[in-house]
Protein backbone atom coordinates (compact mmCIF):
# COMPACT_ATOMS: atom_id res chain seq x y z
CA MET A 1 0.00 0.00 0.00
CA LYS A 2 1.37 3.41 -0.99
CA VAL A 3 0.60 6.08 1.62
CA LEU A 4 1.36 9.79 1.25
CA TRP A 5 1.38 11.93 4.38
CA PHE A 6 1.03 15.69 4.47
CA SER A 7 2.59 16.66 7.80
CA ASN A 8 3.21 19.86 9.78
CA THR A 9 6.63 18.50 10.78
CA PRO A 10 9.28 16.35 9.05
CA ALA A 11 8.37 13.57 11.53
CA LEU A 12 11.16 10.95 11.51
CA GLY A 13 12.89 13.01 8.82
CA SER A 14 13.91 15.36 11.64
CA GLU A 15 16.77 12.95 12.33
CA TYR A 16 18.10 13.38 8.81
CA LEU A 17 17.71 17.15 9.03
CA ASN A 18 19.20 17.23 12.54
CA ILE A 19 16.25 19.18 13.97
CA ASN A 20 16.31 19.20 17.79
CA SER A 21 12.57 19.94 18.11
CA VAL A 22 11.91 16.23 17.74
CA LEU A 23 13.40 15.81 21.21
CA LYS A 24 10.93 18.33 22.60
CA SER A 25 7.16 18.37 22.58
CA THR A 26 6.45 19.67 19.08
CA GLY A 27 5.94 16.84 16.61
CA GLY A 28 7.32 14.10 18.87
CA TRP A 29 4.25 11.91 18.38
CA MET A 30 4.50 12.25 14.58
CA TYR A 31 8.10 11.11 14.81
CA ALA A 32 6.97 8.06 16.80
CA LEU A 33 4.12 7.21 14.42
CA ASN A 34 6.36 7.56 11.35
CA LYS A 35 8.89 5.17 12.89
CA ALA A 36 6.20 2.67 13.88
CA ILE A 37 4.29 2.51 10.58
CA GLN A 38 7.01 2.84 7.94
CA GLY A 39 7.68 -0.92 7.77
CA ASN A 40 4.01 -1.69 7.15
CA VAL A 41 3.38 0.57 4.15
CA ASN A 42 5.30 2.30 1.39
CA LEU A 43 5.36 5.69 3.12
CA SER A 44 6.14 9.15 1.75
CA VAL A 45 5.95 12.41 3.74
CA VAL A 46 5.37 15.95 2.45
CA PHE A 47 6.25 18.84 4.77
CA HIS A 48 7.00 22.56 4.58
CA HIS A 49 10.58 23.73 5.02
CA PRO A 50 12.09 27.25 5.08
CA TYR A 51 15.18 26.22 3.08
CA THR A 52 15.69 24.68 -0.33
CA ILE A 53 16.69 21.05 0.09
CA SER A 54 16.33 17.99 -2.13
CA ASN A 55 13.99 15.10 -1.59
CA PHE A 56 15.56 12.46 0.61
CA THR A 57 15.06 8.98 1.99
CA HIS A 58 15.62 8.19 5.67
CA GLU A 59 15.24 4.67 7.01
CA LYS A 60 12.15 3.30 5.16
CA THR A 61 10.43 6.62 4.36
CA ASP A 62 10.71 9.04 1.43
CA TYR A 63 10.51 12.76 2.27
CA TYR A 64 9.43 15.66 0.05
CA PRO A 65 10.20 19.11 1.51
CA ILE A 66 8.21 22.05 0.11
CA TYR A 67 10.25 25.25 0.14
CA THR A 68 8.14 27.99 1.75
CA GLY A 69 10.64 30.84 1.47
CA ASN A 70 12.74 32.69 4.00
CA SER A 71 13.53 35.93 2.18
CA ILE A 72 13.18 39.29 3.93
CA ILE A 73 10.14 40.19 1.78
CA HIS A 74 8.54 36.84 2.53
CA ASN A 75 9.08 37.22 6.27
CA LEU A 76 7.84 40.81 6.23
CA LYS A 77 4.56 39.62 4.69
CA LYS A 78 4.21 36.98 7.36
CA ARG A 79 4.97 39.47 10.16
CA PHE A 80 3.00 42.52 9.12
CA LEU A 81 0.24 41.10 6.92
CA SER A 82 -0.35 37.89 8.92
CA LYS A 83 0.23 36.01 5.68
CA VAL A 84 -1.30 32.51 5.63
CA TYR A 85 -1.12 29.80 3.01
CA ASP A 86 -4.05 28.34 1.12
CA GLN A 87 -3.47 27.30 -2.51
CA ASP A 88 0.04 28.76 -2.70
CA PHE A 89 1.72 25.36 -3.06
CA LEU A 90 -1.02 23.43 -4.83
CA ASP A 91 1.12 22.77 -7.93
CA ASP A 92 3.96 21.48 -5.76
CA TYR A 93 1.58 19.17 -3.90
CA PHE A 94 0.26 17.69 -7.10
CA LYS A 95 3.67 17.16 -8.63
CA ILE A 96 4.47 15.00 -5.62
CA ILE A 97 1.09 13.23 -5.75
CA GLU A 98 1.60 12.43 -9.42
CA HIS A 99 5.12 11.17 -8.71
CA VAL A 100 4.21 9.00 -5.70
CA LYS A 101 0.84 7.78 -7.03
CA PRO A 102 -0.45 6.91 -3.55
CA ASP A 103 -3.35 4.60 -2.80
CA VAL A 104 -4.39 6.90 0.04
CA ILE A 105 -3.45 10.40 1.22
CA HIS A 106 -3.32 11.20 4.95
CA ILE A 107 -3.39 14.87 5.99
CA HIS A 108 -2.21 15.34 9.57
CA GLY A 109 -3.91 18.41 11.04
CA THR A 110 -6.21 21.02 9.54
CA GLU A 111 -4.15 24.12 10.30
CA ASN A 112 -1.91 24.06 7.23
CA SER A 113 -2.62 24.61 3.53
CA PHE A 114 -2.78 20.91 2.70
CA LEU A 115 -6.59 20.88 2.72
CA CYS A 116 -6.58 22.67 -0.64
CA ILE A 117 -6.12 19.31 -2.38
CA LEU A 118 -9.48 17.99 -1.10
CA GLU A 119 -11.54 19.13 -4.09
CA LYS A 120 -8.80 18.50 -6.64
CA THR A 121 -8.16 14.75 -6.57
CA LYS A 122 -10.10 11.49 -6.63
CA ILE A 123 -7.46 9.71 -4.55
CA PRO A 124 -9.03 8.84 -1.18
CA ILE A 125 -8.02 11.31 1.55
CA VAL A 126 -8.28 10.94 5.30
CA ILE A 127 -7.70 13.88 7.68
CA SER A 128 -6.47 13.60 11.26
CA ILE A 129 -7.89 16.19 13.62
CA GLN A 130 -5.15 17.53 15.90
CA GLY A 131 -6.86 20.67 17.13
CA ASN A 132 -9.44 22.91 15.51
CA LEU A 133 -8.60 26.50 14.71
CA LYS A 134 -12.22 27.63 14.53
CA VAL A 135 -12.84 26.68 18.15
CA TYR A 136 -9.35 27.67 19.31
CA HIS A 137 -9.82 31.14 17.83
CA TYR A 138 -13.22 31.38 19.53
CA LYS A 139 -11.61 30.48 22.88
CA PHE A 140 -8.43 32.52 22.33
CA LEU A 141 -9.47 35.36 24.67
CA SER A 142 -10.73 33.14 27.49
CA GLY A 143 -7.84 33.94 29.82
CA PHE A 144 -7.12 37.62 29.11
CA HIS A 145 -8.91 40.70 27.85
CA GLY A 146 -8.23 41.59 24.24
CA LYS A 147 -6.47 44.79 25.39
CA TYR A 148 -3.34 42.73 26.07
CA LEU A 149 -3.10 41.42 22.51
CA LYS A 150 -0.94 44.31 21.28
CA ILE A 151 1.56 44.28 24.14
CA ASN A 152 4.98 43.37 22.75
CA ASN A 153 8.10 41.85 24.19
CA SER A 154 10.45 44.58 25.33
CA GLN A 155 13.60 43.13 23.82
CA ILE A 156 14.92 45.24 20.95
CA THR A 157 16.91 43.16 18.50
CA LEU A 158 17.83 43.43 14.82
CA LYS A 159 15.10 40.87 14.13
CA SER A 160 12.48 42.93 15.99
CA ILE A 161 13.53 46.10 14.15
CA LEU A 162 13.24 44.40 10.74
CA PHE A 163 10.14 42.33 11.33
CA GLY A 164 8.37 43.91 14.29
CA ARG A 165 8.11 42.78 17.90
CA HIS A 166 6.18 39.70 18.87
CA THR A 167 2.58 40.33 19.94
CA PHE A 168 -0.33 37.96 20.42
CA TYR A 169 -2.43 40.21 18.19
CA LYS A 170 -0.54 38.84 15.20
CA SER A 171 -1.14 35.27 16.37
CA TYR A 172 -4.83 36.00 16.89
CA ALA A 173 -5.23 37.64 13.47
CA LYS A 174 -3.35 34.88 11.71
CA MET A 175 -5.33 32.15 13.49
CA GLY A 176 -8.57 33.85 12.44
CA LYS A 177 -7.56 33.77 8.78
CA MET A 178 -6.44 30.15 9.04
CA ALA A 179 -9.68 29.21 10.83
CA ASP A 180 -11.75 30.62 7.97
CA ILE A 181 -9.76 28.55 5.44
CA GLU A 182 -10.05 25.47 7.64
CA GLU A 183 -13.82 25.87 7.97
CA ARG A 184 -14.29 26.34 4.24
CA ARG A 185 -12.10 23.37 3.28
CA LEU A 186 -13.33 20.90 5.89
CA LYS A 187 -16.80 20.87 4.34
CA PHE A 188 -15.37 18.76 1.52
CA SER A 189 -13.83 16.15 3.80
CA LYS A 190 -15.10 12.60 3.47
CA ASN A 191 -12.95 10.82 6.08
CA ILE A 192 -11.94 12.09 9.51
CA ILE A 193 -9.67 10.48 12.11
CA GLY A 194 -10.16 11.72 15.67
CA ARG A 195 -9.69 10.67 19.29
CA THR A 196 -12.17 12.45 21.52
CA ASP A 197 -15.87 13.12 21.93
CA TRP A 198 -15.06 16.77 21.30
CA ASP A 199 -13.42 16.36 17.89
CA LYS A 200 -16.13 13.89 16.85
CA ARG A 201 -18.89 16.36 17.76
CA ILE A 202 -17.37 19.41 16.10
CA THR A 203 -16.57 17.54 12.88
CA ARG A 204 -20.22 16.43 12.62
CA ILE A 205 -20.87 20.14 12.10
CA LEU A 206 -17.73 21.29 10.28
CA ALA A 207 -17.43 18.20 8.05
CA PRO A 208 -21.06 17.01 7.90
CA ASP A 209 -20.54 14.54 5.03
CA SER A 210 -17.51 12.85 6.57
CA ARG A 211 -17.13 9.41 8.10
CA TYR A 212 -15.44 9.37 11.52
CA PHE A 213 -12.69 6.89 12.46
CA GLN A 214 -11.12 6.43 15.88
CA GLY A 215 -7.36 6.94 15.75
CA ASN A 216 -5.30 7.29 18.91
CA GLU A 217 -1.82 8.80 19.01
CA LEU A 218 1.57 7.49 19.95
CA LEU A 219 3.64 9.25 22.60
CA ARG A 220 7.39 9.75 22.71
CA SER A 221 9.18 6.50 23.48
CA GLY A 222 10.77 7.62 26.76
CA PHE A 223 7.39 7.97 28.45
CA TYR A 224 6.57 4.28 27.93
CA GLU A 225 9.81 3.28 29.62
CA LYS A 226 9.53 5.31 32.83
CA GLN A 227 7.09 5.37 35.73
CA TRP A 228 6.25 7.92 38.41
CA ASN A 229 6.92 6.68 41.92
CA ASN A 230 6.98 9.73 44.15
CA GLU A 231 5.66 10.06 47.68
CA PHE A 232 3.50 12.77 49.19
CA THR A 233 5.01 14.33 52.28
CA THR A 234 3.88 16.89 54.82
CA GLY A 235 6.54 19.24 53.50
CA LYS A 236 6.75 21.11 50.20
CA ILE A 237 4.50 19.93 47.40
CA VAL A 238 5.92 20.12 43.87
CA LEU A 239 3.48 20.74 41.02
CA PHE A 240 4.31 20.50 37.33
CA THR A 241 2.78 21.93 34.14
CA THR A 242 3.91 21.82 30.52
CA SER A 243 2.62 24.92 28.76
CA GLY A 244 3.85 27.42 26.19
CA ASP A 245 4.12 31.10 25.29
CA THR A 246 0.46 31.07 24.29
CA TYR A 247 -2.52 33.29 25.17
CA TYR A 248 -5.05 30.54 25.96
CA LYS A 249 -3.05 27.88 27.81
CA GLY A 250 -4.21 29.07 31.24
CA PHE A 251 -0.94 30.42 32.63
CA GLU A 252 -2.88 33.15 34.43
CA THR A 253 -5.00 30.49 36.19
CA ILE A 254 -1.84 28.75 37.40
CA CYS A 255 -0.51 32.00 38.83
CA GLN A 256 -3.80 32.81 40.56
CA ALA A 257 -4.09 29.30 42.01
CA LEU A 258 -0.51 29.45 43.29
CA THR A 259 -1.18 32.78 45.02
CA LEU A 260 -4.24 31.24 46.73
CA LEU A 261 -2.14 28.32 47.96
CA ASN A 262 0.59 30.68 49.18
CA GLU A 263 -2.00 32.67 51.12
CA LEU A 264 -3.00 29.47 52.93
CA GLY A 265 0.60 29.02 54.04
CA LEU A 266 1.15 25.89 51.96
CA ALA A 267 4.74 25.28 50.85
CA VAL A 268 4.45 24.96 47.07
CA GLU A 269 6.87 24.84 44.16
CA TRP A 270 5.09 25.05 40.83
CA ARG A 271 7.35 24.21 37.91
CA VAL A 272 6.24 25.29 34.44
CA ALA A 273 7.99 24.02 31.32
CA GLY A 274 7.70 25.88 28.01
CA ILE A 275 7.63 29.34 29.61
CA SER A 276 10.53 31.48 30.80
CA GLU A 277 10.88 34.86 32.48
CA SER A 278 11.44 36.41 29.04
CA SER A 279 8.27 34.90 27.52
CA LEU A 280 5.65 37.40 26.38
CA ILE A 281 2.93 35.54 28.27
CA THR A 282 4.90 36.11 31.50
CA LYS A 283 4.97 39.86 30.89
CA ILE A 284 1.25 39.98 30.10
CA THR A 285 0.30 37.86 33.10
CA LYS A 286 2.27 40.10 35.46
CA LYS A 287 0.52 43.14 34.01
CA HIS A 288 -2.88 41.47 34.15
CA LEU A 289 -2.64 40.14 37.71
CA GLY A 290 -0.61 42.92 39.31
CA LYS A 291 -0.27 42.19 43.04
CA ILE A 292 -1.94 38.82 42.60
CA TYR A 293 1.02 37.52 40.57
CA PRO A 294 2.78 34.99 42.85
CA ILE A 295 5.88 36.32 44.60
CA LYS A 296 7.16 32.87 45.55
CA GLY A 297 6.94 29.27 44.45
CA LEU A 298 6.78 29.80 40.67
CA VAL A 299 9.67 28.23 38.72
CA LEU A 300 9.72 28.88 34.97
CA LEU A 301 11.90 26.28 33.26
CA GLY A 302 11.73 27.30 29.60
CA SER A 303 12.11 24.59 26.95
CA LEU A 304 13.00 21.10 28.12
CA ASP A 305 14.03 18.10 26.07
CA GLU A 306 12.40 14.72 26.59
CA ARG A 307 14.85 13.50 29.22
CA GLU A 308 14.68 16.75 31.22
CA LEU A 309 10.89 16.73 31.04
CA ILE A 310 10.59 13.15 32.33
CA ASN A 311 13.03 13.86 35.17
CA ASN A 312 11.01 16.87 36.29
CA LEU A 313 7.74 14.95 36.11
CA GLN A 314 9.17 12.14 38.23
CA GLN A 315 10.35 14.64 40.84
CA SER A 316 6.91 16.29 41.09
CA HIS A 317 3.86 15.24 43.09
CA LEU A 318 1.01 16.38 40.83
CA TYR A 319 0.56 17.26 37.18
CA ILE A 320 -1.71 20.25 36.44
CA MET A 321 -3.11 21.08 32.99
CA ALA A 322 -4.70 24.54 32.90
CA SER A 323 -5.63 25.15 29.23
CA HIS A 324 -8.83 26.87 28.17
CA ILE A 325 -9.08 24.67 25.06
CA GLU A 326 -7.38 21.44 23.97
CA ASN A 327 -8.25 18.32 22.02
CA SER A 328 -6.16 15.44 23.37
CA PRO A 329 -3.21 17.23 25.01
CA ASN A 330 -0.06 15.13 24.76
CA ASN A 331 1.36 16.78 27.89
CA LEU A 332 -1.53 15.38 29.95
CA CYS A 333 -1.28 11.97 28.28
CA GLU A 334 2.46 11.86 29.00
CA ALA A 335 1.86 12.55 32.68
CA MET A 336 -0.87 9.91 32.76
CA ILE A 337 1.25 7.21 31.16
CA LEU A 338 3.92 7.83 33.82
CA GLY A 339 1.23 7.22 36.44
CA MET A 340 1.16 10.72 37.91
CA PRO A 341 -1.88 12.03 39.81
CA CYS A 342 -3.37 14.67 37.49
CA VAL A 343 -5.65 17.69 37.66
CA ALA A 344 -6.87 19.02 34.31
CA THR A 345 -9.38 21.50 32.98
CA PHE A 346 -12.56 20.13 31.44
CA ALA A 347 -11.73 21.74 28.10
CA GLY A 348 -12.28 20.37 24.63
CA GLY A 349 -11.46 16.66 24.57
CA THR A 350 -9.80 16.23 27.96
CA SER A 351 -12.76 14.34 29.41
CA SER A 352 -12.13 11.63 26.82
CA MET A 353 -8.55 11.34 28.05
CA LEU A 354 -9.08 11.47 31.82
CA LYS A 355 -12.06 10.07 33.74
CA ASP A 356 -13.04 12.53 36.45
CA GLY A 357 -12.88 11.08 39.95
CA GLU A 358 -11.36 7.80 38.73
CA GLU A 359 -8.13 8.68 36.92
CA GLY A 360 -7.74 12.25 38.15
CA ILE A 361 -9.73 15.42 38.73
CA LEU A 362 -11.33 17.61 36.05
CA ILE A 363 -12.22 21.22 36.82
CA GLN A 364 -13.72 24.14 34.94
CA ASP A 365 -11.16 26.10 32.93
CA GLY A 366 -10.29 29.56 34.24
CA ASP A 367 -11.23 28.68 37.85
CA PRO A 368 -8.19 29.14 40.14
CA TRP A 369 -10.23 28.40 43.28
CA ALA A 370 -11.26 24.97 42.03
CA MET A 371 -7.72 24.36 40.83
CA ALA A 372 -6.21 25.23 44.19
CA GLY A 373 -8.91 23.24 45.96
CA SER A 374 -8.28 20.14 43.84
CA ILE A 375 -4.58 20.34 44.69
CA LEU A 376 -5.44 20.42 48.40
CA GLU A 377 -7.82 17.50 47.84
CA MET A 378 -5.12 15.42 46.17
CA ARG A 379 -2.58 16.27 48.86
CA GLY A 380 -5.03 15.51 51.69
CA SER A 381 -5.96 12.12 50.19
CA SER A 382 -2.58 10.97 48.95
CA GLU A 383 -3.54 7.30 48.77
CA ALA A 384 -6.54 8.12 46.60
CA ALA A 385 -4.36 10.38 44.43
CA VAL A 386 -1.77 7.64 43.90
CA SER A 387 -4.57 5.18 43.10
CA MET A 388 -5.97 7.55 40.46
CA GLY A 389 -2.48 7.86 38.97
CA ILE A 390 -2.19 4.08 38.69
CA LYS A 391 -5.55 3.88 36.93
CA ALA A 392 -4.57 6.75 34.65
CA ARG A 393 -1.39 4.88 33.68
CA LEU A 394 -3.26 1.69 32.83
CA SER A 395 -5.74 3.65 30.73
CA ALA A 396 -2.97 5.55 28.93
CA LEU A 397 -0.92 2.40 28.23
CA LYS A 398 -3.96 0.86 26.57
CA ARG A 399 -4.90 4.02 24.65
CA HIS A 400 -1.36 4.65 23.38
CA CYS A 401 -0.41 1.04 22.60
CA LYS A 402 1.85 1.15 19.54
CA ASP A 403 0.67 -2.12 17.95
CA ASP A 404 -3.00 -1.21 18.38
CA ILE A 405 -2.51 2.28 16.95
CA VAL A 406 -0.65 1.01 13.89
CA SER A 407 -3.25 -1.71 13.30
CA GLN A 408 -6.07 0.81 13.76
CA LEU A 409 -4.55 3.18 11.22
CA LEU A 410 -3.86 0.46 8.64
CA ASP A 411 -7.47 -0.72 8.96
CA THR A 412 -8.69 2.85 8.38
CA TYR A 413 -6.57 3.15 5.24
CA GLN A 414 -7.98 -0.11 3.87
CA ILE A 415 -11.58 0.89 4.61
CA VAL A 416 -11.16 4.33 3.02
CA ILE A 417 -9.57 2.86 -0.12
CA LYS A 418 -12.26 0.18 -0.51
CA GLN A 419 -15.14 2.53 0.29
CA GLN A 420 -14.09 5.10 -2.28
CA SER A 421 -13.63 2.33 -4.80
CA TYR A 422 -17.18 1.08 -4.13
CA ASP A 423 -18.47 4.62 -4.57
CA GLY A 424 -17.05 4.66 -8.08
CA PHE A 425 -14.47 7.40 -7.56
CA VAL A 426 -11.43 5.32 -8.57
């Protein structure tokens, strides 16, 4: 079976390109899936790349980089005009499709320009839902007022002089444009792969003529090999969150909850990966919260690689996910598969990942009082917390089983190919 992927990352090709991001959170699961499935199909991967490089083969996969441009004019358009792609690379896509002649095309994610091929080919196409820009854009302002969107980072560099300083207004505007393209294109989708009740429900509206397939995701290999085995003590409690320099990930809720815990006299260290003191979201949160911003206990770790992340998780007592919107957040799934007690917001698809009261605690997003209270609840019932972590691990090991995921995906490919054939399209 010939399978052609359209991917937001080079996946396993990151090794060939020597891209360190594969060791961090972005695209790690695509790397794992590429490695797991490449021996079962004749796999090719299309991805965008800012530099001109030739097609290449790595291990058992062929890779086709699409040059997106990195000139000053190109970058100025992206910075100042919130330039987004739609049909810009359609000819390049079809040159590759004609060369590979795949039996099935798999588009990973709806946020890139790959959806433009939907109306242009009779080759069966299946689309994996990662997130959904329409809903994400709708929830973008859940944590902060829009007045903070135009605040910029204070660092003046040559890059900021040429291309403008980073603001979330640009991210918001760009996401809005991409969401409109996504909504328009998804209507033509016939086959959707998803993982949660949330993505199934929204695609019944956004892709009303599509068939829905269950398709779980692989996690990075290191998380299968390790296990959380910490003990609750009467001393300092260590909390951990993986977040990012993003407007809607709930960093302000973390800060508010930490201040509430500090006011109760609880010794807390809250470690946050993906955010540093120089992050724009840190500056905005300080401005937004003022005196409520925590004066102690907050440790911002910046970017961590896989090994550093696992070490920090194993040293912590609880994992906290604070986002205002998610689908199936890998950071939560990684904590679950380690067996950590978890508190997460009931946002998007998280209730399909974590069973409230059995595998952890779910709370309303944007509620620091419930977040702080759930932390006290976990700490006060440590045996119950550990038990929930054990159940979460068993659930995650089953959900993210490599053999099952590969088999599930291969079955989906076969069904899609046969179904389209029966419908007379090929």
